[in-house]
C-alpha cells in the first residue's frame, strides 16, 4: 500500500523535518547581481569577436557599467 500526500501535507512535513537546519540567507541584490553578471558574461563570450579592434574597449565599458550598477552602500 502506498501512502499519498497532498502537496500541503508534503510541505508541512518537509518544513517540520528541516526546521532545525539553519537556512542560508540570500541577499536579493547579491542574487540579482550574480544573475545579471552571468548574462553579461555570456553575451560578451558570444559577441567578443564581432567588435573588431574595439573589442577590449567595448568589453571594458560593459564591465564598468556592471561595477557601478550594484554599488554597495
PDB file of N, CA and C in Angstrom:
ATOM      1  N   UNK A   1       0.834  -1.167   0.000  1.00  0.00           N
ATOM      2  CA  UNK A   1       0.000   0.000   0.000  1.00  0.00           C
ATOM      3  C   UNK A   1       0.893   1.249   0.000  1.00  0.00           C
ATOM      4  N   UNK A   2       0.628   2.182  -0.890  1.00  0.00           N
ATOM      5  CA  UNK A   2       1.378   3.420  -0.960  1.00  0.00           C
ATOM      6  C   UNK A   2       0.647   4.510  -0.188  1.00  0.00           C
ATOM      7  N   UNK A   3       1.450   5.335   0.466  1.00  0.00           N
ATOM      8  CA  UNK A   3       0.879   6.475   1.176  1.00  0.00           C
ATOM      9  C   UNK A   3       0.892   7.670   0.230  1.00  0.00           C
ATOM     10  N   UNK A   4      -0.218   8.344   0.131  1.00  0.00           N
ATOM     11  CA  UNK A   4      -0.306   9.516  -0.734  1.00  0.00           C
ATOM     12  C   UNK A   4      -0.506  10.756   0.125  1.00  0.00           C
ATOM     13  N   UNK A   5       0.266  11.794  -0.222  1.00  0.00           N
ATOM     14  CA  UNK A   5       0.170  13.050   0.492  1.00  0.00           C
ATOM     15  C   UNK A   5      -0.263  14.155  -0.457  1.00  0.00           C
ATOM     16  N   UNK A   6      -0.983  15.094   0.103  1.00  0.00           N
ATOM     17  CA  UNK A   6      -1.262  16.283  -0.694  1.00  0.00           C
ATOM     18  C   UNK A   6      -0.003  17.142  -0.683  1.00  0.00           C
ATOM     19  N   UNK A   7       0.037  18.120  -1.552  1.00  0.00           N
ATOM     20  CA  UNK A   7       1.210  18.997  -1.613  1.00  0.00           C
ATOM     21  C   UNK A   7       1.397  19.749  -0.300  1.00  0.00           C
ATOM     22  N   UNK A   8       0.328  20.219   0.284  1.00  0.00           N
ATOM     23  CA  UNK A   8       0.437  20.960   1.547  1.00  0.00           C
ATOM     24  C   UNK A   8       0.922  20.051   2.682  1.00  0.00           C
ATOM     25  N   UNK A   9       0.484  18.805   2.694  1.00  0.00           N
ATOM     26  CA  UNK A   9       0.961  17.858   3.703  1.00  0.00           C
ATOM     27  C   UNK A   9       2.464  17.600   3.520  1.00  0.00           C
ATOM     28  N   UNK A  10       2.873  17.433   2.294  1.00  0.00           N
ATOM     29  CA  UNK A  10       4.281  17.200   1.994  1.00  0.00           C
ATOM     30  C   UNK A  10       5.133  18.380   2.453  1.00  0.00           C
ATOM     31  N   UNK A  11       4.705  19.610   2.125  1.00  0.00           N
ATOM     32  CA  UNK A  11       5.449  20.801   2.507  1.00  0.00           C
ATOM     33  C   UNK A  11       5.538  20.936   4.024  1.00  0.00           C
ATOM     34  N   UNK A  12       4.436  20.649   4.721  1.00  0.00           N
ATOM     35  CA  UNK A  12       4.446  20.741   6.173  1.00  0.00           C
ATOM     36  C   UNK A  12       5.423  19.747   6.788  1.00  0.00           C
ATOM     37  N   UNK A  13       5.449  18.547   6.279  1.00  0.00           N
ATOM     38  CA  UNK A  13       6.370  17.522   6.790  1.00  0.00           C
ATOM     39  C   UNK A  13       7.823  17.939   6.537  1.00  0.00           C
ATOM     40  N   UNK A  14       8.101  18.407   5.331  1.00  0.00           N
ATOM     41  CA  UNK A  14       9.462  18.838   4.991  1.00  0.00           C
ATOM     42  C   UNK A  14       9.881  20.003   5.878  1.00  0.00           C
ATOM     43  N   UNK A  15       8.996  20.987   6.052  1.00  0.00           N
ATOM     44  CA  UNK A  15       9.318  22.143   6.899  1.00  0.00           C
ATOM     45  C   UNK A  15       9.581  21.734   8.342  1.00  0.00           C
ATOM     46  N   UNK A  16       8.794  20.808   8.862  1.00  0.00           N
ATOM     47  CA  UNK A  16       8.998  20.340  10.235  1.00  0.00           C
ATOM     48  C   UNK A  16      10.309  19.569  10.354  1.00  0.00           C
ATOM     49  N   UNK A  17      10.625  18.775   9.367  1.00  0.00           N
ATOM     50  CA  UNK A  17      11.831  17.949   9.415  1.00  0.00           C
ATOM     51  C   UNK A  17      13.094  18.798   9.318  1.00  0.00           C
ATOM     52  N   UNK A  18      13.073  19.821   8.461  1.00  0.00           N
ATOM     53  CA  UNK A  18      14.259  20.631   8.218  1.00  0.00           C
ATOM     54  C   UNK A  18      14.258  21.948   9.000  1.00  0.00           C
ATOM     55  N   UNK A  19      13.333  22.135   9.937  1.00  0.00           N
ATOM     56  CA  UNK A  19      13.247  23.411  10.648  1.00  0.00           C
ATOM     57  C   UNK A  19      14.470  23.679  11.522  1.00  0.00           C
ATOM     58  N   UNK A  20      15.177  22.638  11.977  1.00  0.00           N
ATOM     59  CA  UNK A  20      16.349  22.814  12.835  1.00  0.00           C
ATOM     60  C   UNK A  20      17.605  23.178  12.047  1.00  0.00           C
ATOM     61  N   UNK A  21      17.586  22.980  10.746  1.00  0.00           N
ATOM     62  CA  UNK A  21      18.747  23.267   9.915  1.00  0.00           C
ATOM     63  C   UNK A  21      18.727  24.739   9.547  1.00  0.00           C
ATOM     64  N   UNK A  22      19.824  25.477   9.859  1.00  0.00           N
ATOM     65  CA  UNK A  22      19.818  26.901   9.504  1.00  0.00           C
ATOM     66  C   UNK A  22      19.795  27.081   7.996  1.00  0.00           C
ATOM     67  N   UNK A  23      18.909  27.935   7.546  1.00  0.00           N
ATOM     68  CA  UNK A  23      18.779  28.199   6.116  1.00  0.00           C
ATOM     69  C   UNK A  23      19.708  29.338   5.723  1.00  0.00           C
ATOM     70  N   UNK A  24      20.391  29.202   4.578  1.00  0.00           N
ATOM     71  CA  UNK A  24      21.274  30.290   4.166  1.00  0.00           C
ATOM     72  C   UNK A  24      20.470  31.543   3.843  1.00  0.00           C
ATOM     73  N   UNK A  25      21.004  32.669   4.240  1.00  0.00           N
ATOM     74  CA  UNK A  25      20.352  33.943   3.963  1.00  0.00           C
ATOM     75  C   UNK A  25      20.896  34.480   2.645  1.00  0.00           C
ATOM     76  N   UNK A  26      20.016  34.773   1.729  1.00  0.00           N
ATOM     77  CA  UNK A  26      20.405  35.312   0.430  1.00  0.00           C
ATOM     78  C   UNK A  26      19.938  36.752   0.324  1.00  0.00           C
ATOM     79  N   UNK A  27      20.868  37.609   0.007  1.00  0.00           N
ATOM     80  CA  UNK A  27      20.520  38.997  -0.241  1.00  0.00           C
ATOM     81  C   UNK A  27      19.987  39.082  -1.663  1.00  0.00           C
ATOM     82  N   UNK A  28      18.812  39.670  -1.809  1.00  0.00           N
ATOM     83  CA  UNK A  28      18.190  39.731  -3.136  1.00  0.00           C
ATOM     84  C   UNK A  28      19.059  40.489  -4.122  1.00  0.00           C
ATOM     85  N   UNK A  29      19.803  41.483  -3.647  1.00  0.00           N
ATOM     86  CA  UNK A  29      20.652  42.258  -4.553  1.00  0.00           C
ATOM     87  C   UNK A  29      21.869  41.462  -4.990  1.00  0.00           C
ATOM     88  N   UNK A  30      22.422  40.648  -4.091  1.00  0.00           N
ATOM     89  CA  UNK A  30      23.545  39.786  -4.466  1.00  0.00           C
ATOM     90  C   UNK A  30      23.108  38.753  -5.503  1.00  0.00           C
ATOM     91  N   UNK A  31      21.928  38.218  -5.299  1.00  0.00           N
ATOM     92  CA  UNK A  31      21.415  37.239  -6.263  1.00  0.00           C
ATOM     93  C   UNK A  31      21.175  37.873  -7.623  1.00  0.00           C
ATOM     94  N   UNK A  32      20.587  39.085  -7.624  1.00  0.00           N
ATOM     95  CA  UNK A  32      20.341  39.791  -8.876  1.00  0.00           C
ATOM     96  C   UNK A  32      21.657  40.117  -9.570  1.00  0.00           C
ATOM     97  N   UNK A  33      22.629  40.587  -8.810  1.00  0.00           N
ATOM     98  CA  UNK A  33      23.936  40.911  -9.387  1.00  0.00           C
ATOM     99  C   UNK A  33      24.565  39.669 -10.020  1.00  0.00           C
ATOM    100  N   UNK A  34      24.488  38.544  -9.349  1.00  0.00           N
ATOM    101  CA  UNK A  34      25.036  37.307  -9.891  1.00  0.00           C
ATOM    102  C   UNK A  34      24.357  36.892 -11.184  1.00  0.00           C
ATOM    103  N   UNK A  35      23.036  37.005 -11.224  1.00  0.00           N
ATOM    104  CA  UNK A  35      22.290  36.636 -12.434  1.00  0.00           C
ATOM    105  C   UNK A  35      22.635  37.555 -13.603  1.00  0.00           C
ATOM    106  N   UNK A  36      22.674  38.868 -13.329  1.00  0.00           N
ATOM    107  CA  UNK A  36      22.993  39.823 -14.397  1.00  0.00           C
ATOM    108  C   UNK A  36      24.427  39.609 -14.865  1.00  0.00           C
ATOM    109  N   UNK A  37      25.345  39.391 -13.934  1.00  0.00           N
ATOM    110  CA  UNK A  37      26.739  39.155 -14.283  1.00  0.00           C
ATOM    111  C   UNK A  37      26.878  37.919 -15.172  1.00  0.00           C
ATOM    112  N   UNK A  38      26.150  36.874 -14.846  1.00  0.00           N
ATOM    113  CA  UNK A  38      26.189  35.652 -15.650  1.00  0.00           C
ATOM    114  C   UNK A  38      25.689  35.909 -17.074  1.00  0.00           C
ATOM    115  N   UNK A  39      24.603  36.672 -17.186  1.00  0.00           N
ATOM    116  CA  UNK A  39      24.057  37.001 -18.514  1.00  0.00           C
ATOM    117  C   UNK A  39      25.040  37.837 -19.320  1.00  0.00           C
ATOM    118  N   UNK A  40      25.637  38.848 -18.665  1.00  0.00           N
ATOM    119  CA  UNK A  40      26.579  39.732 -19.349  1.00  0.00           C
ATOM    120  C   UNK A  40      27.796  38.940 -19.822  1.00  0.00           C
ATOM    121  N   UNK A  41      28.308  38.063 -18.986  1.00  0.00           N
ATOM    122  CA  UNK A  41      29.472  37.255 -19.392  1.00  0.00           C
ATOM    123  C   UNK A  41      29.142  36.376 -20.595  1.00  0.00           C
ATOM    124  N   UNK A  42      27.945  35.829 -20.624  1.00  0.00           N
ATOM    125  CA  UNK A  42      27.517  35.014 -21.755  1.00  0.00           C
ATOM    126  C   UNK A  42      27.440  35.852 -23.031  1.00  0.00           C
ATOM    127  N   UNK A  43      26.891  37.060 -22.914  1.00  0.00           N
ATOM    128  CA  UNK A  43      26.802  37.957 -24.075  1.00  0.00           C
ATOM    129  C   UNK A  43      28.193  38.328 -24.571  1.00  0.00           C
ATOM    130  N   UNK A  44      29.091  38.636 -23.656  1.00  0.00           N
ATOM    131  CA  UNK A  44      30.454  39.001 -24.043  1.00  0.00           C
ATOM    132  C   UNK A  44      31.129  37.840 -24.764  1.00  0.00           C
ATOM    133  N   UNK A  45      31.012  36.643 -24.217  1.00  0.00           N
ATOM    134  CA  UNK A  45      31.633  35.474 -24.852  1.00  0.00           C
ATOM    135  C   UNK A  45      31.072  35.236 -26.249  1.00  0.00           C
ATOM    136  N   UNK A  46      29.785  35.435 -26.406  1.00  0.00           N
ATOM    137  CA  UNK A  46      29.144  35.200 -27.694  1.00  0.00           C
ATOM    138  C   UNK A  46      29.574  36.221 -28.746  1.00  0.00           C
ATOM    139  N   UNK A  47      29.737  37.485 -28.347  1.00  0.00           N
ATOM    140  CA  UNK A  47      29.938  38.562 -29.314  1.00  0.00           C
ATOM    141  C   UNK A  47      31.316  39.212 -29.284  1.00  0.00           C
ATOM    142  N   UNK A  48      32.237  38.697 -28.481  1.00  0.00           N
ATOM    143  CA  UNK A  48      33.515  39.388 -28.309  1.00  0.00           C
ATOM    144  C   UNK A  48      34.313  39.519 -29.607  1.00  0.00           C
ATOM    145  N   UNK A  49      34.154  38.607 -30.536  1.00  0.00           N
ATOM    146  CA  UNK A  49      34.898  38.679 -31.795  1.00  0.00           C
ATOM    147  C   UNK A  49      34.243  39.602 -32.824  1.00  0.00           C
ATOM    148  N   UNK A  50      33.035  40.059 -32.555  1.00  0.00           N
ATOM    149  CA  UNK A  50      32.313  40.906 -33.507  1.00  0.00           C
ATOM    150  C   UNK A  50      32.630  42.391 -33.378  1.00  0.00           C
ATOM    151  N   UNK A  51      33.398  42.779 -32.346  1.00  0.00           N
ATOM    152  CA  UNK A  51      33.667  44.192 -32.122  1.00  0.00           C
ATOM    153  C   UNK A  51      34.936  44.673 -32.814  1.00  0.00           C
ATOM    154  N   UNK A  52      35.685  43.778 -33.433  1.00  0.00           N
ATOM    155  CA  UNK A  52      36.900  44.172 -34.146  1.00  0.00           C
ATOM    156  C   UNK A  52      37.947  44.742 -33.217  1.00  0.00           C
ATOM    157  N   UNK A  53      38.630  45.793 -33.670  1.00  0.00           N
ATOM    158  CA  UNK A  53      39.727  46.354 -32.883  1.00  0.00           C
ATOM    159  C   UNK A  53      39.241  47.069 -31.614  1.00  0.00           C
ATOM    160  N   UNK A  54      37.967  47.321 -31.504  1.00  0.00           N
ATOM    161  CA  UNK A  54      37.402  47.965 -30.312  1.00  0.00           C
ATOM    162  C   UNK A  54      36.949  46.970 -29.243  1.00  0.00           C
ATOM    163  N   UNK A  55      37.231  45.687 -29.445  1.00  0.00           N
ATOM    164  CA  UNK A  55      36.728  44.652 -28.533  1.00  0.00           C
ATOM    165  C   UNK A  55      37.025  44.956 -27.074  1.00  0.00           C
ATOM    166  N   UNK A  56      38.284  45.283 -26.772  1.00  0.00           N
ATOM    167  CA  UNK A  56      38.644  45.499 -25.374  1.00  0.00           C
ATOM    168  C   UNK A  56      37.942  46.717 -24.796  1.00  0.00           C
ATOM    169  N   UNK A  57      37.778  47.767 -25.583  1.00  0.00           N
ATOM    170  CA  UNK A  57      37.079  48.959 -25.112  1.00  0.00           C
ATOM    171  C   UNK A  57      35.614  48.691 -24.824  1.00  0.00           C
ATOM    172  N   UNK A  58      34.969  47.929 -25.699  1.00  0.00           N
ATOM    173  CA  UNK A  58      33.553  47.600 -25.519  1.00  0.00           C
ATOM    174  C   UNK A  58      33.370  46.717 -24.283  1.00  0.00           C
ATOM    175  N   UNK A  59      34.198  45.702 -24.156  1.00  0.00           N
ATOM    176  CA  UNK A  59      34.093  44.793 -23.010  1.00  0.00           C
ATOM    177  C   UNK A  59      34.390  45.546 -21.719  1.00  0.00           C
ATOM    178  N   UNK A  60      35.392  46.419 -21.714  1.00  0.00           N
ATOM    179  CA  UNK A  60      35.711  47.210 -20.523  1.00  0.00           C
ATOM    180  C   UNK A  60      34.542  48.116 -20.153  1.00  0.00           C
ATOM    181  N   UNK A  61      33.908  48.734 -21.137  1.00  0.00           N
ATOM    182  CA  UNK A  61      32.751  49.591 -20.862  1.00  0.00           C
ATOM    183  C   UNK A  61      31.609  48.799 -20.236  1.00  0.00           C
ATOM    184  N   UNK A  62      31.391  47.601 -20.723  1.00  0.00           N
ATOM    185  CA  UNK A  62      30.336  46.739 -20.155  1.00  0.00           C
ATOM    186  C   UNK A  62      30.640  46.433 -18.689  1.00  0.00           C
ATOM    187  N   UNK A  63      31.895  46.092 -18.393  1.00  0.00           N
ATOM    188  CA  UNK A  63      32.267  45.796 -17.007  1.00  0.00           C
ATOM    189  C   UNK A  63      32.152  47.033 -16.115  1.00  0.00           C
ATOM    190  N   UNK A  64      32.473  48.216 -16.635  1.00  0.00           N
ATOM    191  CA  UNK A  64      32.334  49.435 -15.839  1.00  0.00           C
ATOM    192  C   UNK A  64      30.871  49.700 -15.492  1.00  0.00           C
ATOM    193  N   UNK A  65      29.995  49.465 -16.440  1.00  0.00           N
ATOM    194  CA  UNK A  65      28.560  49.621 -16.170  1.00  0.00           C
ATOM    195  C   UNK A  65      28.135  48.639 -15.080  1.00  0.00           C
ATOM    196  N   UNK A  66      28.593  47.401 -15.193  1.00  0.00           N
ATOM    197  CA  UNK A  66      28.259  46.383 -14.184  1.00  0.00           C
ATOM    198  C   UNK A  66      28.769  46.776 -12.804  1.00  0.00           C
ATOM    199  N   UNK A  67      30.004  47.263 -12.723  1.00  0.00           N
ATOM    200  CA  UNK A  67      30.574  47.633 -11.430  1.00  0.00           C
ATOM    201  C   UNK A  67      29.783  48.749 -10.770  1.00  0.00           C
ATOM    202  N   UNK A  68      29.292  49.686 -11.541  1.00  0.00           N
ATOM    203  CA  UNK A  68      28.560  50.812 -10.968  1.00  0.00           C
ATOM    204  C   UNK A  68      27.082  50.526 -10.761  1.00  0.00           C
ATOM    205  N   UNK A  69      26.585  49.468 -11.364  1.00  0.00           N
ATOM    206  CA  UNK A  69      25.167  49.157 -11.259  1.00  0.00           C
ATOM    207  C   UNK A  69      24.789  48.655  -9.868  1.00  0.00           C
ATOM    208  N   UNK A  70      25.700  47.936  -9.217  1.00  0.00           N
ATOM    209  CA  UNK A  70      25.386  47.308  -7.937  1.00  0.00           C
ATOM    210  C   UNK A  70      26.342  47.797  -6.855  1.00  0.00           C
ATOM    211  N   UNK A  71      26.434  49.103  -6.680  1.00  0.00           N
ATOM    212  CA  UNK A  71      27.307  49.649  -5.659  1.00  0.00           C
ATOM    213  C   UNK A  71      26.779  49.282  -4.275  1.00  0.00           C
ATOM    214  N   UNK A  72      27.688  48.926  -3.420  1.00  0.00           N
ATOM    215  CA  UNK A  72      27.324  48.594  -2.045  1.00  0.00           C
ATOM    216  C   UNK A  72      27.341  49.856  -1.199  1.00  0.00           C
ATOM    217  N   UNK A  73      26.355  49.999  -0.346  1.00  0.00           N
ATOM    218  CA  UNK A  73      26.267  51.184   0.499  1.00  0.00           C
ATOM    219  C   UNK A  73      26.776  50.840   1.876  1.00  0.00           C
TER     220      UNK A  73
END
